N, C-alpha and C. Protein backbone atom coordinates (compact mmCIF):
# COMPACT_ATOMS: atom_id res chain seq x y z
N MET A 1 0.93 -0.98 -0.13
CA MET A 1 0.05 -0.11 -0.14
C MET A 1 0.86 1.31 0.00
N ASN A 2 1.81 1.38 0.60
CA ASN A 2 2.87 2.19 0.55
C ASN A 2 3.37 2.68 -0.70
N ASN A 3 3.61 1.64 -1.36
CA ASN A 3 4.40 1.73 -2.86
C ASN A 3 3.10 2.27 -3.57
N SER A 4 1.90 1.88 -3.61
CA SER A 4 0.87 2.52 -4.24
C SER A 4 0.31 4.13 -3.82
N PHE A 5 0.64 4.37 -2.57
CA PHE A 5 0.61 5.81 -2.17
C PHE A 5 1.86 6.64 -2.76
N ASN A 6 2.76 6.17 -2.87
CA ASN A 6 4.14 6.84 -3.43
C ASN A 6 3.70 7.17 -5.02
N ASN A 7 3.47 6.27 -5.62
CA ASN A 7 3.04 6.40 -7.09
C ASN A 7 1.72 7.16 -7.22
N TYR A 8 0.95 7.29 -6.37
CA TYR A 8 -0.08 8.36 -6.49
C TYR A 8 0.32 9.62 -6.25
N SER A 9 1.32 9.90 -5.15
CA SER A 9 1.98 10.97 -4.84
C SER A 9 2.63 11.88 -6.07
N LEU A 10 3.44 10.69 -6.57
CA LEU A 10 4.33 11.26 -7.53
C LEU A 10 3.75 11.72 -8.87
N THR A 11 2.66 10.93 -9.18
CA THR A 11 1.76 11.19 -10.33
C THR A 11 1.04 12.54 -10.13
N THR A 12 0.63 12.69 -8.54
CA THR A 12 0.06 14.09 -8.37
C THR A 12 0.91 15.26 -8.62
N MET A 13 1.94 15.08 -7.96
CA MET A 13 3.02 16.19 -7.97
C MET A 13 3.25 16.38 -9.51
N LYS A 14 3.52 15.47 -10.45
CA LYS A 14 3.89 15.79 -11.77
C LYS A 14 2.73 16.66 -12.38
N ALA A 15 1.45 16.22 -12.04
CA ALA A 15 0.33 16.88 -12.57
C ALA A 15 0.39 18.57 -12.20
N HIS A 16 0.51 18.68 -10.76
CA HIS A 16 0.75 19.74 -10.40
C HIS A 16 1.98 20.94 -11.01
N ASN A 17 2.78 20.17 -11.11
CA ASN A 17 3.98 21.00 -11.64
C ASN A 17 3.81 21.22 -13.03
N THR A 18 2.81 20.49 -14.13
CA THR A 18 2.56 20.60 -15.15
C THR A 18 1.56 21.79 -15.21
N VAL A 19 0.61 21.79 -14.43
CA VAL A 19 -0.37 22.70 -14.26
C VAL A 19 0.31 24.31 -14.05
N ILE A 20 1.15 24.04 -13.05
CA ILE A 20 1.67 25.43 -12.67
C ILE A 20 2.82 25.93 -13.93
N THR A 21 3.51 25.28 -14.47
CA THR A 21 4.44 25.42 -15.46
C THR A 21 3.39 26.21 -16.71
N MET A 22 2.33 25.61 -16.74
CA MET A 22 1.53 25.96 -17.93
C MET A 22 0.78 27.29 -17.61
N ALA A 23 0.39 27.56 -16.16
CA ALA A 23 -0.14 28.73 -15.68
C ALA A 23 0.83 29.99 -15.77
N LEU A 24 2.38 29.50 -15.37
CA LEU A 24 3.33 30.56 -15.75
C LEU A 24 3.43 31.08 -17.07
N ARG A 25 3.69 29.96 -17.92
CA ARG A 25 3.71 30.59 -19.47
C ARG A 25 2.47 31.38 -19.64
N GLY A 26 1.46 30.91 -19.48
CA GLY A 26 0.26 31.70 -19.72
C GLY A 26 0.37 33.54 -19.14
N VAL A 27 0.89 33.54 -17.76
CA VAL A 27 1.12 34.66 -17.51
C VAL A 27 2.21 35.29 -18.09
N LEU A 28 3.29 34.80 -18.57
CA LEU A 28 4.33 35.41 -19.29
C LEU A 28 3.98 35.59 -20.69
N LEU A 29 3.15 34.82 -21.59
CA LEU A 29 2.53 35.35 -22.67
C LEU A 29 1.48 36.44 -22.54
N ALA A 30 0.81 36.48 -21.36
CA ALA A 30 -0.11 37.78 -21.32
C ALA A 30 0.79 38.89 -21.06
N GLY A 31 1.55 38.81 -20.27
CA GLY A 31 2.48 40.09 -20.15
C GLY A 31 3.33 40.56 -21.12
N LEU A 32 3.76 39.71 -22.11
CA LEU A 32 4.40 40.15 -23.30
C LEU A 32 3.40 40.81 -24.38
N LEU A 33 2.37 40.37 -24.19
CA LEU A 33 1.30 40.81 -25.27
C LEU A 33 0.73 42.13 -24.75
N ALA A 34 0.55 42.41 -23.46
CA ALA A 34 0.17 43.66 -22.87
C ALA A 34 1.06 44.58 -23.01
N GLY A 35 2.47 44.10 -22.85
CA GLY A 35 3.58 45.08 -22.85
C GLY A 35 3.51 45.61 -24.58
N THR A 36 3.41 44.72 -25.49
CA THR A 36 3.47 45.01 -26.97
C THR A 36 2.25 45.81 -27.35
N LEU A 37 0.99 45.64 -26.82
CA LEU A 37 -0.09 46.55 -27.35
C LEU A 37 0.28 47.87 -26.63
N ALA A 38 0.59 47.86 -25.37
CA ALA A 38 0.81 49.33 -24.67
C ALA A 38 1.99 50.13 -25.23
N ALA A 39 2.77 49.49 -26.05
CA ALA A 39 3.93 50.24 -26.93
C ALA A 39 3.38 50.66 -28.08
N ALA A 40 2.50 49.63 -28.88
CA ALA A 40 1.85 50.31 -30.04
C ALA A 40 0.85 51.18 -29.82
N GLY A 41 0.14 51.42 -28.65
CA GLY A 41 -0.71 52.41 -28.55
C GLY A 41 -0.30 53.80 -28.05
N CYS A 42 1.03 53.94 -28.01
CA CYS A 42 1.75 55.01 -27.22
C CYS A 42 1.20 56.31 -28.45
N ASP A 43 1.12 57.55 -27.68
CA ASP A 43 0.82 58.75 -28.46
C ASP A 43 1.92 58.92 -29.46
N SER A 44 1.43 59.25 -30.52
CA SER A 44 2.35 59.29 -31.54
C SER A 44 2.96 60.53 -31.90
N THR A 45 2.76 61.69 -31.11
CA THR A 45 3.05 63.01 -31.23
C THR A 45 4.14 63.33 -30.35
N SER A 46 4.37 62.37 -29.36
CA SER A 46 5.48 62.44 -28.20
C SER A 46 6.67 62.35 -28.68
N PRO A 47 7.96 63.04 -28.09
CA PRO A 47 9.08 62.76 -28.69
C PRO A 47 9.57 61.38 -28.92
N GLY A 48 10.38 60.92 -30.10
CA GLY A 48 10.57 59.79 -30.33
C GLY A 48 9.85 58.69 -30.82
N LYS A 49 8.45 59.31 -31.33
CA LYS A 49 7.51 58.28 -31.13
C LYS A 49 6.70 58.53 -32.74
N THR A 50 7.28 59.28 -33.38
CA THR A 50 6.78 59.63 -34.83
C THR A 50 6.23 58.48 -35.81
N GLY A 51 7.08 57.79 -36.03
CA GLY A 51 7.22 56.74 -36.81
C GLY A 51 7.54 57.05 -38.15
N GLN A 52 7.99 58.37 -38.52
CA GLN A 52 8.54 59.05 -39.62
C GLN A 52 9.84 59.00 -39.66
N PRO A 53 10.46 58.85 -40.82
CA PRO A 53 12.03 58.91 -40.84
C PRO A 53 12.47 60.19 -40.37
N LEU A 54 13.69 60.13 -39.82
CA LEU A 54 14.27 61.32 -38.90
C LEU A 54 14.45 62.43 -40.12
N ALA A 55 14.50 62.40 -41.32
CA ALA A 55 14.85 63.33 -42.00
C ALA A 55 13.23 64.21 -42.51
N SER A 56 12.34 63.58 -42.21
CA SER A 56 10.96 64.32 -42.38
C SER A 56 10.96 65.06 -41.20
N ALA A 57 10.20 66.32 -41.34
CA ALA A 57 9.61 66.85 -40.01
C ALA A 57 8.30 67.40 -40.12
N ALA A 58 7.57 67.28 -39.25
CA ALA A 58 6.10 67.51 -39.12
C ALA A 58 5.69 69.04 -39.30
N LYS A 59 5.06 69.50 -40.09
CA LYS A 59 4.71 70.85 -40.02
C LYS A 59 3.65 71.39 -39.17
N VAL A 60 3.89 72.44 -38.48
CA VAL A 60 3.18 72.83 -37.26
C VAL A 60 2.70 74.43 -37.68
N LYS A 61 1.35 74.80 -37.22
CA LYS A 61 0.82 75.99 -37.48
C LYS A 61 -0.02 76.14 -36.38
N THR A 62 -0.01 76.96 -35.52
CA THR A 62 -0.67 77.04 -34.25
C THR A 62 -0.36 78.13 -33.39
N VAL A 63 -1.12 78.52 -32.17
CA VAL A 63 -1.17 79.85 -31.43
C VAL A 63 -0.58 79.15 -30.17
N GLY A 64 0.17 80.27 -29.30
CA GLY A 64 0.66 79.90 -28.21
C GLY A 64 1.33 81.07 -27.28
N THR A 65 2.05 81.04 -26.24
CA THR A 65 2.58 81.76 -25.44
C THR A 65 4.14 81.86 -25.41
N VAL A 66 4.92 82.92 -25.69
CA VAL A 66 6.14 82.71 -25.31
C VAL A 66 6.62 82.81 -23.95
N VAL A 67 7.09 81.87 -23.30
CA VAL A 67 7.53 81.69 -22.00
C VAL A 67 9.11 81.54 -21.78
N PHE A 68 9.64 82.07 -20.86
CA PHE A 68 10.94 82.33 -20.15
C PHE A 68 10.99 81.00 -19.21
N ARG A 69 12.04 80.02 -19.45
CA ARG A 69 12.43 79.08 -18.45
C ARG A 69 13.63 79.14 -18.15
N GLU A 70 14.18 79.10 -16.77
CA GLU A 70 15.66 79.52 -16.19
C GLU A 70 16.44 78.07 -16.26
N THR A 71 15.95 77.05 -16.61
CA THR A 71 16.79 75.91 -16.85
C THR A 71 17.76 75.91 -17.83
N GLY A 72 19.02 75.24 -17.28
CA GLY A 72 20.12 75.31 -18.25
C GLY A 72 20.46 76.77 -18.64
N GLY A 73 20.40 77.74 -17.75
CA GLY A 73 20.80 79.05 -18.02
C GLY A 73 19.74 79.74 -18.64
N GLY A 74 18.65 79.44 -19.01
CA GLY A 74 17.64 80.14 -19.40
C GLY A 74 17.15 80.01 -20.81
N PHE A 75 16.32 79.85 -21.31
CA PHE A 75 15.76 79.65 -22.85
C PHE A 75 14.06 80.22 -22.81
N TYR A 76 13.77 80.53 -24.11
CA TYR A 76 12.70 80.67 -24.26
C TYR A 76 11.89 79.36 -25.15
N GLY A 77 10.65 79.17 -24.62
CA GLY A 77 10.01 78.21 -25.34
C GLY A 77 8.62 78.69 -25.68
N ILE A 78 7.87 77.94 -26.39
CA ILE A 78 6.57 77.93 -26.71
C ILE A 78 5.40 77.16 -26.07
N LEU A 79 4.57 77.71 -25.25
CA LEU A 79 3.50 76.90 -24.73
C LEU A 79 2.23 77.29 -25.47
N THR A 80 1.77 76.22 -26.21
CA THR A 80 0.80 76.30 -27.04
C THR A 80 -0.54 76.37 -25.96
N ASP A 81 -1.66 76.89 -26.88
CA ASP A 81 -3.22 77.14 -26.11
C ASP A 81 -3.58 75.68 -25.80
N LYS A 82 -2.95 74.54 -26.48
CA LYS A 82 -3.88 73.37 -26.27
C LYS A 82 -2.68 72.46 -25.37
N GLY A 83 -1.73 73.16 -24.69
CA GLY A 83 -0.71 72.66 -24.04
C GLY A 83 0.63 71.79 -24.75
N GLY A 84 0.72 71.90 -25.77
CA GLY A 84 1.91 71.59 -26.51
C GLY A 84 3.18 72.53 -25.82
N GLN A 85 4.55 71.88 -26.07
CA GLN A 85 5.53 72.45 -25.51
C GLN A 85 6.56 72.54 -26.58
N PHE A 86 7.20 73.57 -27.17
CA PHE A 86 8.22 73.81 -28.22
C PHE A 86 9.41 74.67 -27.78
N GLU A 87 10.30 74.18 -28.18
CA GLU A 87 11.61 74.75 -27.94
C GLU A 87 12.28 75.09 -29.42
N PRO A 88 11.92 76.49 -29.74
CA PRO A 88 12.40 77.03 -30.97
C PRO A 88 13.84 77.28 -31.05
N SER A 89 14.43 76.82 -32.06
CA SER A 89 16.01 77.03 -32.58
C SER A 89 16.37 78.46 -32.89
N ASN A 90 15.26 79.02 -33.34
CA ASN A 90 15.55 80.17 -34.15
C ASN A 90 14.41 81.56 -33.62
N LEU A 91 13.99 81.81 -32.39
CA LEU A 91 13.12 82.61 -32.13
C LEU A 91 13.72 83.96 -32.35
N ASP A 92 13.23 84.91 -32.94
CA ASP A 92 13.81 86.07 -33.29
C ASP A 92 13.83 87.03 -31.86
N PRO A 93 14.96 87.59 -31.68
CA PRO A 93 14.75 88.42 -30.39
C PRO A 93 13.61 89.35 -29.87
N LYS A 94 13.04 89.76 -31.41
CA LYS A 94 11.67 90.62 -30.88
C LYS A 94 10.67 90.07 -30.26
N TYR A 95 10.66 88.61 -30.47
CA TYR A 95 9.60 87.99 -29.79
C TYR A 95 9.90 87.26 -28.66
N GLN A 96 10.98 87.34 -28.16
CA GLN A 96 11.49 86.87 -27.04
C GLN A 96 11.20 87.57 -25.65
N SER A 97 9.92 87.58 -25.64
CA SER A 97 9.25 88.25 -24.33
C SER A 97 8.29 87.39 -23.61
N ASP A 98 8.61 87.14 -22.39
CA ASP A 98 7.71 86.36 -21.63
C ASP A 98 6.32 86.68 -21.51
N GLY A 99 5.42 85.73 -21.72
CA GLY A 99 3.86 86.19 -21.85
C GLY A 99 3.42 86.52 -23.01
N LEU A 100 4.39 86.76 -24.16
CA LEU A 100 3.89 87.32 -25.54
C LEU A 100 3.09 86.03 -26.35
N HIS A 101 1.74 86.29 -26.46
CA HIS A 101 0.92 85.33 -27.19
C HIS A 101 1.17 85.61 -28.63
N ILE A 102 1.62 84.50 -29.56
CA ILE A 102 1.85 84.61 -30.69
C ILE A 102 1.09 83.35 -31.47
N THR A 103 1.11 83.82 -32.94
CA THR A 103 0.81 82.49 -33.86
C THR A 103 2.00 82.38 -34.80
N PHE A 104 2.23 80.92 -34.86
CA PHE A 104 3.58 80.56 -35.43
C PHE A 104 3.37 79.28 -36.49
N SER A 105 4.33 79.10 -37.26
CA SER A 105 4.41 77.64 -38.11
C SER A 105 5.83 77.64 -37.96
N GLY A 106 5.91 76.26 -38.64
CA GLY A 106 7.41 75.63 -38.36
C GLY A 106 7.67 74.31 -38.73
N ALA A 107 8.65 73.79 -38.76
CA ALA A 107 9.12 72.50 -39.00
C ALA A 107 9.14 71.76 -37.32
N LEU A 108 8.56 70.76 -37.12
CA LEU A 108 8.53 70.14 -35.84
C LEU A 108 9.47 68.72 -36.04
N ASP A 109 10.29 68.55 -35.26
CA ASP A 109 11.15 67.22 -35.08
C ASP A 109 10.59 66.61 -33.64
N THR A 110 9.79 65.64 -33.83
CA THR A 110 9.46 64.71 -32.49
C THR A 110 10.29 63.59 -32.54
N SER A 111 11.36 63.42 -32.90
CA SER A 111 12.36 62.29 -32.95
C SER A 111 12.94 62.54 -31.49
N HIS A 112 13.24 63.44 -30.91
CA HIS A 112 13.83 63.57 -29.79
C HIS A 112 13.22 64.93 -28.97
N LEU A 113 13.65 65.33 -27.54
CA LEU A 113 13.38 66.51 -26.90
C LEU A 113 14.35 67.70 -27.50
N GLY A 114 14.00 68.80 -27.13
CA GLY A 114 14.75 69.72 -27.32
C GLY A 114 16.12 70.08 -26.50
N GLU A 115 17.04 70.98 -26.42
CA GLU A 115 18.23 70.96 -25.89
C GLU A 115 17.94 71.15 -24.66
N HIS A 116 17.04 71.55 -24.13
CA HIS A 116 16.49 71.74 -22.48
C HIS A 116 15.71 70.61 -21.99
N HIS A 117 15.43 69.87 -22.86
CA HIS A 117 14.37 68.51 -22.43
C HIS A 117 13.26 69.01 -22.06
N TRP A 118 12.66 70.07 -22.65
CA TRP A 118 11.29 70.79 -22.10
C TRP A 118 10.20 70.65 -22.95
N GLY A 119 10.55 70.71 -24.22
CA GLY A 119 9.79 70.31 -25.17
C GLY A 119 10.33 69.96 -26.57
N ASN A 120 9.21 69.94 -27.51
CA ASN A 120 9.63 69.20 -29.12
C ASN A 120 10.51 70.48 -29.64
N PRO A 121 11.73 70.17 -30.23
CA PRO A 121 12.28 71.27 -31.11
C PRO A 121 11.54 71.59 -32.42
N ILE A 122 11.58 72.75 -32.52
CA ILE A 122 10.85 73.23 -33.71
C ILE A 122 11.90 74.48 -34.41
N GLU A 123 11.80 74.54 -35.87
CA GLU A 123 12.57 75.57 -36.56
C GLU A 123 11.43 76.39 -37.15
N LEU A 124 11.43 77.61 -36.58
CA LEU A 124 10.25 78.51 -36.84
C LEU A 124 10.12 78.89 -38.31
N ALA A 125 9.25 79.10 -38.97
CA ALA A 125 9.03 79.52 -40.37
C ALA A 125 8.43 81.11 -40.27
N ASN A 126 7.39 81.15 -39.56
CA ASN A 126 6.79 82.50 -39.62
C ASN A 126 6.08 82.70 -38.04
N VAL A 127 6.09 83.97 -37.52
CA VAL A 127 5.94 84.18 -36.38
C VAL A 127 5.14 85.25 -36.46
N LYS A 128 4.05 85.63 -35.67
CA LYS A 128 3.17 86.97 -35.63
C LYS A 128 2.76 87.10 -34.31
N ALA A 129 3.08 88.18 -33.61
CA ALA A 129 2.40 88.56 -32.43
C ALA A 129 0.94 88.81 -32.34
N GLU A 130 0.49 88.38 -31.48
CA GLU A 130 -1.27 88.54 -31.40
C GLU A 130 -1.72 89.94 -30.36
N GLN A 131 -2.83 90.25 -30.71
CA GLN A 131 -3.13 91.40 -30.10
C GLN A 131 -3.97 91.05 -28.54
């Protein structure tokens, strides 16, 4: 009877190990699938997530406010009315006024953050002060 009991225990243990192994595999696959879906669903306008070749840049035309930030020795950025943040590489000194409301257009590079890691880098094409 003791031998029969040992065979039953061994068979039961093997079955439990198989169930546990299969459950762990299922959890691992579910985690990988969730991670892949989360990465695929990320905001496509955030820095580094354009899906566009680096050579091309998105065109932007919007309104915002010039803001001065003291980070990294100080710089002027543009905070759009919709909450976007841009670091212009060529903001004319006549528009470098904290709080100035502007309409602007330019070429946006969303492949990386700007020099001060505050917003998307943009090369301005047109800027107009708003009243």
